């Protein structure tokens, strides 16, 4: 019924301003126009079923829907506040966070368990700072939380097209900061990949993108955080090349660091259009889908990397991995300076104990790879 009222609301919203200007009173004098409504048979059957369920007549059911829509349209402030509350609760529900844990996460804003149950009391405590925190915790748009947008998630924060090495660094950063990363490689279900390479048309359009899953802890409450990366077409050769480079990097990393505390695991998931479209457009929470991912078709991205080996070796992917693996044990930390810039600190331990500071993760990894490359190690050994 909520969806139906929203539909009718959108249809009459354009007449709202005119009605408000004329301020027509229900008791005003003037000719009264007899009103009749002609319904499609399917619509009548649907409304009749609703009426029977509620124990009211068909005309009463129609009146109730239209009155409700008018109230929604003429009470935008109340409706907006209700939307904020509903969306915040939806976030907690979809991430499986229980009421007592919600209270812990929001306690700095004065939220108690009793306040969580009261829509009005809770809304009294909502501030821009709370909205900002919720946006960051759950990776959703502040405009959506504020009830002014239908787009839930940002979908262009993480760009991989023409940025395969940058994507690799982003995944490394996520794994280092969150003690591991899960990557879902999402594609449209039912499209043959080889055919999509050969035929670039609407029928064979094969959208593909990534979703990151990490563990996030707030006030002692740990939950899964999801972030949507951009989607592009496998059909286009340049997109395909960058996707294959990323697949190869994931496969190489998984081979070398599978059992480390900063592992990156990945799975290929195929989704039907009715799920993929809202997901890639940021209108569906990945947390609502996560448990259903493996009910869909699984595929293996690592099977599509054979023809990019030369290009892969000419780029920095392997040097990034060497920077992590070679030499003494390392602990990477990202820090914010007093000037609000970011720097990376690498603490070496074991036979060599030293702390080094770098402007970026890329600089840190490439320097570590160069310091502890086999060539350099052989030179050091011959000089000793």
Protein backbone atom coordinates (compact mmCIF):
# COMPACT_ATOMS: atom_id res chain seq x y z
CA UNK A 1 0.00 0.00 0.00
CA UNK A 2 2.90 2.34 0.71
CA UNK A 3 4.17 1.97 -2.86
CA UNK A 4 0.71 2.56 -4.25
CA UNK A 5 0.23 5.74 -2.24
CA UNK A 6 3.64 6.98 -3.35
CA UNK A 7 2.64 6.43 -6.95
CA UNK A 8 -0.58 8.39 -6.56
CA UNK A 9 1.28 11.04 -4.58
CA UNK A 10 3.70 11.60 -7.45
CA UNK A 11 0.79 11.93 -9.87
CA UNK A 12 -1.02 14.60 -7.86
CA UNK A 13 2.03 16.48 -6.58
CA UNK A 14 2.04 18.80 -9.59
CA UNK A 15 -1.44 20.01 -8.60
CA UNK A 16 -0.51 20.62 -4.99
CA UNK A 17 0.84 24.16 -5.45
CA UNK A 18 -2.27 25.24 -7.42
CA UNK A 19 -4.57 23.79 -4.78
CA UNK A 20 -2.61 25.56 -2.04
CA UNK A 21 -2.79 28.90 -3.88
CA UNK A 22 -6.54 28.70 -4.39
CA UNK A 23 -7.10 27.53 -0.78
CA UNK A 24 -10.35 25.85 -1.70
CA UNK A 25 -12.44 25.21 1.39
CA UNK A 26 -14.41 22.02 1.75
CA UNK A 27 -17.42 24.12 2.69
CA UNK A 28 -17.03 26.72 -0.06
CA UNK A 29 -20.05 27.47 -2.16
CA UNK A 30 -20.18 26.74 -5.81
CA UNK A 31 -21.10 23.92 -8.12
CA UNK A 32 -20.14 20.49 -6.86
CA UNK A 33 -18.86 18.17 -9.55
CA UNK A 34 -19.97 14.58 -9.32
CA UNK A 35 -16.96 12.33 -9.25
CA UNK A 36 -16.63 8.87 -10.68
CA UNK A 37 -13.51 6.78 -11.13
CA UNK A 38 -13.03 4.26 -13.92
CA UNK A 39 -10.56 1.57 -12.92
CA UNK A 40 -8.76 -1.00 -14.99
CA UNK A 41 -10.00 -4.53 -14.17
CA UNK A 42 -6.64 -5.52 -12.67
CA UNK A 43 -6.58 -2.36 -10.51
CA UNK A 44 -10.14 -2.94 -9.36
CA UNK A 45 -9.34 -6.54 -8.45
CA UNK A 46 -6.29 -5.44 -6.46
CA UNK A 47 -8.18 -2.72 -4.58
CA UNK A 48 -11.11 -5.04 -3.95
CA UNK A 49 -8.78 -7.58 -2.37
CA UNK A 50 -7.31 -4.85 -0.15
CA UNK A 51 -10.81 -3.68 0.80
CA UNK A 52 -11.94 -7.19 1.68
CA UNK A 53 -8.88 -7.67 3.84
CA UNK A 54 -9.56 -4.41 5.72
CA UNK A 55 -13.28 -5.09 5.99
CA UNK A 56 -14.33 -1.88 4.24
CA UNK A 57 -16.02 -1.02 0.97
CA UNK A 58 -14.15 -0.40 -2.27
CA UNK A 59 -15.09 3.30 -2.26
CA UNK A 60 -13.90 3.67 1.35
CA UNK A 61 -10.58 2.05 0.39
CA UNK A 62 -10.09 4.45 -2.52
CA UNK A 63 -11.01 7.45 -0.33
CA UNK A 64 -8.54 6.31 2.34
CA UNK A 65 -5.70 6.02 -0.19
CA UNK A 66 -6.38 9.43 -1.75
CA UNK A 67 -6.80 11.13 1.66
CA UNK A 68 -3.52 9.61 2.78
CA UNK A 69 -1.74 10.81 -0.34
CA UNK A 70 -3.08 14.34 0.10
CA UNK A 71 -1.93 14.34 3.72
CA UNK A 72 1.54 13.18 2.67
CA UNK A 73 1.74 15.85 -0.01
CA UNK A 74 0.49 18.67 2.21
CA UNK A 75 2.67 17.66 5.20
CA UNK A 76 6.14 17.51 3.60
CA UNK A 77 8.05 18.37 6.79
CA UNK A 78 6.51 15.57 8.84
CA UNK A 79 6.98 13.18 5.95
CA UNK A 80 10.66 14.16 5.62
CA UNK A 81 11.34 13.60 9.32
CA UNK A 82 9.63 10.20 9.19
CA UNK A 83 11.80 9.28 6.22
CA UNK A 84 14.98 10.15 8.14
CA UNK A 85 13.98 7.91 11.05
CA UNK A 86 12.90 5.05 8.80
CA UNK A 87 16.12 5.15 6.78
CA UNK A 88 18.37 5.20 9.83
CA UNK A 89 16.53 2.21 11.31
CA UNK A 90 16.70 0.48 7.92
CA UNK A 91 20.50 0.82 7.97
CA UNK A 92 20.78 -0.87 11.34
CA UNK A 93 18.26 -3.58 10.35
CA UNK A 94 19.97 -4.42 7.06
CA UNK A 95 23.37 -4.72 8.78
CA UNK A 96 21.94 -6.98 11.50
CA UNK A 97 22.73 -4.57 14.34
CA UNK A 98 20.61 -5.20 17.43
CA UNK A 99 18.92 -2.43 19.48
CA UNK A 100 21.41 -2.53 22.37
CA UNK A 101 24.31 -2.23 19.93
CA UNK A 102 22.56 0.67 18.18
CA UNK A 103 22.42 2.43 21.52
CA UNK A 104 26.16 1.87 22.06
CA UNK A 105 27.01 3.25 18.62
CA UNK A 106 24.85 6.36 19.09
CA UNK A 107 25.40 6.90 22.81
CA UNK A 108 27.59 9.98 22.26
CA UNK A 109 24.49 11.70 20.85
CA UNK A 110 22.44 10.91 23.96
CA UNK A 111 20.52 8.03 22.39
CA UNK A 112 19.10 5.46 24.83
CA UNK A 113 17.20 2.25 24.22
CA UNK A 114 13.92 3.96 25.11
CA UNK A 115 14.65 6.83 22.71
CA UNK A 116 15.35 4.36 19.90
CA UNK A 117 11.76 3.14 20.19
CA UNK A 118 10.29 6.65 20.01
CA UNK A 119 10.32 8.22 16.56
CA UNK A 120 9.82 11.78 17.86
CA UNK A 121 12.32 11.50 20.72
CA UNK A 122 14.94 10.02 18.41
CA UNK A 123 14.49 12.72 15.77
CA UNK A 124 15.08 15.39 18.45
CA UNK A 125 18.64 14.05 18.77
CA UNK A 126 19.47 13.78 15.06
CA UNK A 127 22.20 16.26 14.11
CA UNK A 128 24.32 16.85 11.00
CA UNK A 129 27.20 15.21 12.89
CA UNK A 130 25.15 12.04 13.47
CA UNK A 131 24.14 11.95 9.81
CA UNK A 132 27.81 12.35 8.83
CA UNK A 133 28.86 9.49 11.13
CA UNK A 134 26.15 7.16 9.83
CA UNK A 135 27.11 8.03 6.25
CA UNK A 136 30.73 7.09 6.95
CA UNK A 137 29.98 3.95 8.97
CA UNK A 138 27.63 2.42 6.42
CA UNK A 139 28.97 4.04 3.24
CA UNK A 140 25.68 5.71 2.28
CA UNK A 141 24.95 9.20 0.97
CA UNK A 142 24.06 11.94 3.45
CA UNK A 143 21.41 13.23 1.04
CA UNK A 144 19.68 9.86 1.21
CA UNK A 145 19.78 9.84 5.01
CA UNK A 146 18.32 13.35 5.00
CA UNK A 147 15.41 12.11 2.90
CA UNK A 148 16.15 14.26 -0.15
CA UNK A 149 17.56 11.60 -2.52
CA UNK A 150 16.63 8.09 -3.62
CA UNK A 151 20.26 7.19 -4.39
CA UNK A 152 21.48 5.31 -1.33
CA UNK A 153 25.15 4.69 -2.11
CA UNK A 154 27.88 6.49 -3.99
CA UNK A 155 28.96 4.44 -6.99
CA UNK A 156 31.85 6.53 -8.35
CA UNK A 157 34.06 6.94 -5.29
CA UNK A 158 36.32 4.09 -6.40
CA UNK A 159 37.27 4.22 -10.09
CA UNK A 160 39.13 1.34 -11.74
CA UNK A 161 38.78 2.09 -15.47
CA UNK A 162 42.14 3.50 -16.73
CA UNK A 163 43.26 3.14 -13.11
CA UNK A 164 44.08 -0.53 -12.57
CA UNK A 165 47.19 0.18 -10.47
CA UNK A 166 45.23 2.72 -8.43
CA UNK A 167 42.55 0.10 -7.86
CA UNK A 168 45.22 -2.35 -6.68
CA UNK A 169 46.52 0.26 -4.20
CA UNK A 170 42.97 0.94 -2.97
CA UNK A 171 42.45 -2.76 -2.30
CA UNK A 172 45.82 -3.01 -0.54
CA UNK A 173 44.95 0.01 1.59
CA UNK A 174 41.59 -1.48 2.55
CA UNK A 175 43.22 -4.79 3.46
CA UNK A 176 45.98 -3.16 5.54
CA UNK A 177 43.63 -0.82 7.41
CA UNK A 178 40.86 -3.35 8.03
CA UNK A 179 42.93 -6.51 8.53
CA UNK A 180 41.55 -8.10 5.39
CA UNK A 181 39.23 -7.41 2.46
CA UNK A 182 36.55 -9.36 0.63
CA UNK A 183 36.02 -8.42 -3.03
CA UNK A 184 32.91 -9.38 -4.99
CA UNK A 185 33.37 -9.17 -8.76
CA UNK A 186 29.82 -8.60 -9.99
CA UNK A 187 28.59 -9.17 -13.54
CA UNK A 188 25.26 -9.35 -15.32
CA UNK A 189 23.80 -12.86 -15.33
CA UNK A 190 22.92 -14.66 -18.55
CA UNK A 191 25.40 -12.96 -20.91
CA UNK A 192 28.16 -15.09 -22.43
CA UNK A 193 31.51 -13.34 -21.84
CA UNK A 194 33.07 -14.48 -25.11
CA UNK A 195 30.03 -13.34 -27.09
CA UNK A 196 30.08 -9.99 -25.25
CA UNK A 197 33.69 -9.51 -26.40
CA UNK A 198 32.68 -10.10 -30.00
CA UNK A 199 29.33 -8.27 -30.11
CA UNK A 200 28.90 -4.87 -28.45
CA UNK A 201 25.15 -4.23 -28.50
CA UNK A 202 22.30 -3.82 -26.01
CA UNK A 203 21.42 -7.51 -26.03
CA UNK A 204 24.97 -8.56 -25.11
CA UNK A 205 25.73 -5.61 -22.83
CA UNK A 206 27.79 -7.08 -19.97
CA UNK A 207 28.15 -4.69 -17.05
CA UNK A 208 30.82 -5.54 -14.51
CA UNK A 209 32.04 -3.96 -11.30
CA UNK A 210 33.21 -4.55 -7.73
CA UNK A 211 31.86 -4.47 -4.19
CA UNK A 212 34.22 -4.28 -1.21
CA UNK A 213 33.34 -5.88 2.12
CA UNK A 214 35.32 -5.04 5.26
CA UNK A 215 34.76 -5.30 9.00
CA UNK A 216 34.11 -2.01 10.76
CA UNK A 217 34.05 -1.49 14.53
CA UNK A 218 32.28 1.46 16.17
CA UNK A 219 32.05 1.77 19.97
CA UNK A 220 32.91 -1.91 20.31
CA UNK A 221 30.25 -3.00 17.80
CA UNK A 222 31.61 -4.84 14.74
CA UNK A 223 29.61 -5.06 11.53
CA UNK A 224 30.22 -5.59 7.81
CA UNK A 225 30.68 -2.46 5.70
CA UNK A 226 30.07 -2.52 1.94
CA UNK A 227 31.35 -0.12 -0.70
CA UNK A 228 30.29 -0.09 -4.35
CA UNK A 229 32.91 0.58 -7.02
CA UNK A 230 32.09 1.76 -10.52
CA UNK A 231 30.53 -0.54 -13.12
CA UNK A 232 31.69 -0.57 -16.75
CA UNK A 233 31.18 -2.73 -19.84
CA UNK A 234 33.18 -5.88 -20.42
CA UNK A 235 32.30 -5.42 -24.11
CA UNK A 236 34.69 -2.49 -24.50
CA UNK A 237 38.24 -3.71 -25.06
CA UNK A 238 39.92 -1.05 -22.86
CA UNK A 239 37.57 -1.79 -19.95
CA UNK A 240 38.20 -5.47 -20.42
CA UNK A 241 41.98 -5.02 -20.30
CA UNK A 242 41.82 -3.13 -17.01
CA UNK A 243 39.44 -5.68 -15.51
CA UNK A 244 41.80 -8.53 -16.47
CA UNK A 245 44.76 -6.72 -14.91
CA UNK A 246 42.80 -6.32 -11.66
CA UNK A 247 41.76 -10.00 -11.77
CA UNK A 248 45.39 -11.04 -12.16
CA UNK A 249 46.49 -8.82 -9.28
CA UNK A 250 43.79 -10.34 -7.04
CA UNK A 251 44.88 -13.85 -8.02
CA UNK A 252 48.57 -13.07 -7.39
CA UNK A 253 47.86 -11.44 -4.04
CA UNK A 254 45.65 -14.30 -2.95
CA UNK A 255 48.37 -16.79 -3.86
CA UNK A 256 51.05 -14.98 -1.83
CA UNK A 257 49.06 -13.67 1.15
CA UNK A 258 46.16 -16.09 1.52
CA UNK A 259 47.00 -16.93 5.12
CA UNK A 260 48.15 -13.47 6.23
CA UNK A 261 46.27 -11.11 8.52
CA UNK A 262 45.69 -8.79 5.57
CA UNK A 263 44.30 -11.28 3.06
CA UNK A 264 42.21 -10.24 0.06
CA UNK A 265 39.72 -12.91 -0.97
CA UNK A 266 37.52 -12.57 -4.04
CA UNK A 267 34.57 -14.28 -5.72
CA UNK A 268 32.79 -13.75 -9.03
CA UNK A 269 29.01 -13.35 -8.64
CA UNK A 270 26.41 -13.12 -11.44
CA UNK A 271 23.25 -11.12 -10.67
CA UNK A 272 19.99 -10.84 -12.55
CA UNK A 273 18.99 -7.50 -14.08
CA UNK A 274 16.32 -6.72 -11.48
CA UNK A 275 19.01 -6.84 -8.79
CA UNK A 276 22.02 -5.57 -10.74
CA UNK A 277 20.43 -2.40 -12.09
CA UNK A 278 19.43 -0.82 -8.75
CA UNK A 279 22.70 -2.04 -7.21
CA UNK A 280 24.96 -0.44 -9.85
CA UNK A 281 22.92 2.77 -9.66
CA UNK A 282 23.31 3.02 -5.89
CA UNK A 283 19.63 2.39 -5.13
CA UNK A 284 20.08 -0.87 -3.27
CA UNK A 285 22.09 -1.61 -0.14
CA UNK A 286 24.65 -4.39 -0.73
CA UNK A 287 24.10 -5.47 2.88
CA UNK A 288 20.55 -6.47 1.91
CA UNK A 289 21.95 -8.79 -0.76
CA UNK A 290 25.07 -10.22 0.79
CA UNK A 291 23.48 -13.41 2.16
CA UNK A 292 21.90 -14.02 -1.24
CA UNK A 293 25.08 -13.59 -3.28
CA UNK A 294 25.91 -17.28 -3.22
CA UNK A 295 22.40 -18.26 -4.26
CA UNK A 296 23.33 -16.86 -7.66
CA UNK A 297 25.75 -18.20 -10.27
CA UNK A 298 29.41 -18.25 -9.27
CA UNK A 299 32.14 -17.54 -11.83
CA UNK A 300 35.94 -17.33 -11.67
CA UNK A 301 37.64 -14.03 -12.64
CA UNK A 302 41.10 -15.64 -12.47
CA UNK A 303 40.20 -17.68 -15.57
CA UNK A 304 40.29 -14.50 -17.69
CA UNK A 305 43.86 -13.26 -17.23
CA UNK A 306 46.02 -15.19 -19.70
CA UNK A 307 46.38 -12.49 -22.37
CA UNK A 308 47.51 -9.61 -20.09
CA UNK A 309 50.70 -11.15 -18.66
CA UNK A 310 53.10 -8.92 -20.62
CA UNK A 311 51.21 -5.73 -19.75
CA UNK A 312 50.92 -6.83 -16.10
CA UNK A 313 54.66 -7.35 -15.76
CA UNK A 314 55.40 -3.93 -17.27
CA UNK A 315 53.39 -2.19 -14.53
CA UNK A 316 53.92 -1.86 -10.76
CA UNK A 317 51.65 -4.67 -9.53
CA UNK A 318 54.40 -7.14 -8.70
CA UNK A 319 56.55 -4.43 -7.11
CA UNK A 320 53.67 -3.59 -4.78
CA UNK A 321 53.53 -7.23 -3.72
CA UNK A 322 57.33 -7.40 -3.36
CA UNK A 323 57.20 -4.32 -1.15
CA UNK A 324 54.87 -6.16 1.19
CA UNK A 325 56.58 -9.54 1.12
CA UNK A 326 60.34 -9.05 0.75
CA UNK A 327 62.71 -8.11 3.56
CA UNK A 328 62.00 -8.02 7.30
CA UNK A 329 58.55 -8.09 8.85
CA UNK A 330 56.55 -4.89 8.29
CA UNK A 331 53.63 -3.10 9.91
CA UNK A 332 51.89 -0.42 7.83
CA UNK A 333 49.97 2.44 9.47
CA UNK A 334 48.14 5.36 7.85
CA UNK A 335 48.31 8.58 9.84
CA UNK A 336 46.92 12.09 9.56
CA UNK A 337 49.43 14.89 10.02
CA UNK A 338 48.82 18.15 11.85
CA UNK A 339 48.25 19.71 8.43
CA UNK A 340 45.40 17.20 7.75
CA UNK A 341 47.41 15.43 5.07
CA UNK A 342 47.89 11.66 5.00
CA UNK A 343 51.16 9.79 5.37
CA UNK A 344 52.13 6.15 5.75
CA UNK A 345 54.40 4.82 8.46
CA UNK A 346 56.21 1.52 7.93
CA UNK A 347 57.63 -0.12 11.03
CA UNK A 348 60.26 -2.79 10.32
CA UNK A 349 60.84 -5.47 12.92
CA UNK A 350 62.93 -8.61 13.28
CA UNK A 351 66.62 -8.49 12.41
CA UNK A 352 66.17 -4.85 11.36
CA UNK A 353 64.16 -2.43 13.48
CA UNK A 354 63.37 0.89 11.88
CA UNK A 355 60.40 3.21 11.29
CA UNK A 356 60.07 4.93 7.92
CA UNK A 357 57.59 7.58 6.81
CA UNK A 358 56.19 8.01 3.28
CA UNK A 359 53.81 10.41 1.57
CA UNK A 360 51.73 7.61 0.03
CA UNK A 361 51.23 3.85 0.16
CA UNK A 362 52.57 3.58 -3.40
CA UNK A 363 55.82 5.30 -2.40
CA UNK A 364 56.14 3.05 0.65
CA UNK A 365 55.64 -0.18 -1.28
CA UNK A 366 57.91 0.74 -4.18
CA UNK A 367 60.68 1.85 -1.82
CA UNK A 368 60.41 -1.34 0.21
CA UNK A 369 60.47 -3.40 -3.00
CA UNK A 370 63.63 -1.60 -4.18
CA UNK A 371 65.35 -1.86 -0.79
CA UNK A 372 64.79 -5.58 -0.48
CA UNK A 373 64.93 -6.69 -4.11
CA UNK A 374 67.04 -9.78 -4.86
CA UNK A 375 69.53 -7.63 -6.82
CA UNK A 376 70.06 -5.28 -3.89
CA UNK A 377 70.31 -8.17 -1.45
CA UNK A 378 73.00 -9.84 -3.58
CA UNK A 379 74.94 -6.54 -3.72
CA UNK A 380 74.72 -6.12 0.06
CA UNK A 381 75.85 -9.70 0.64
CA UNK A 382 78.87 -9.31 -1.69
CA UNK A 383 79.93 -6.11 0.09
CA UNK A 384 79.68 -7.61 3.54
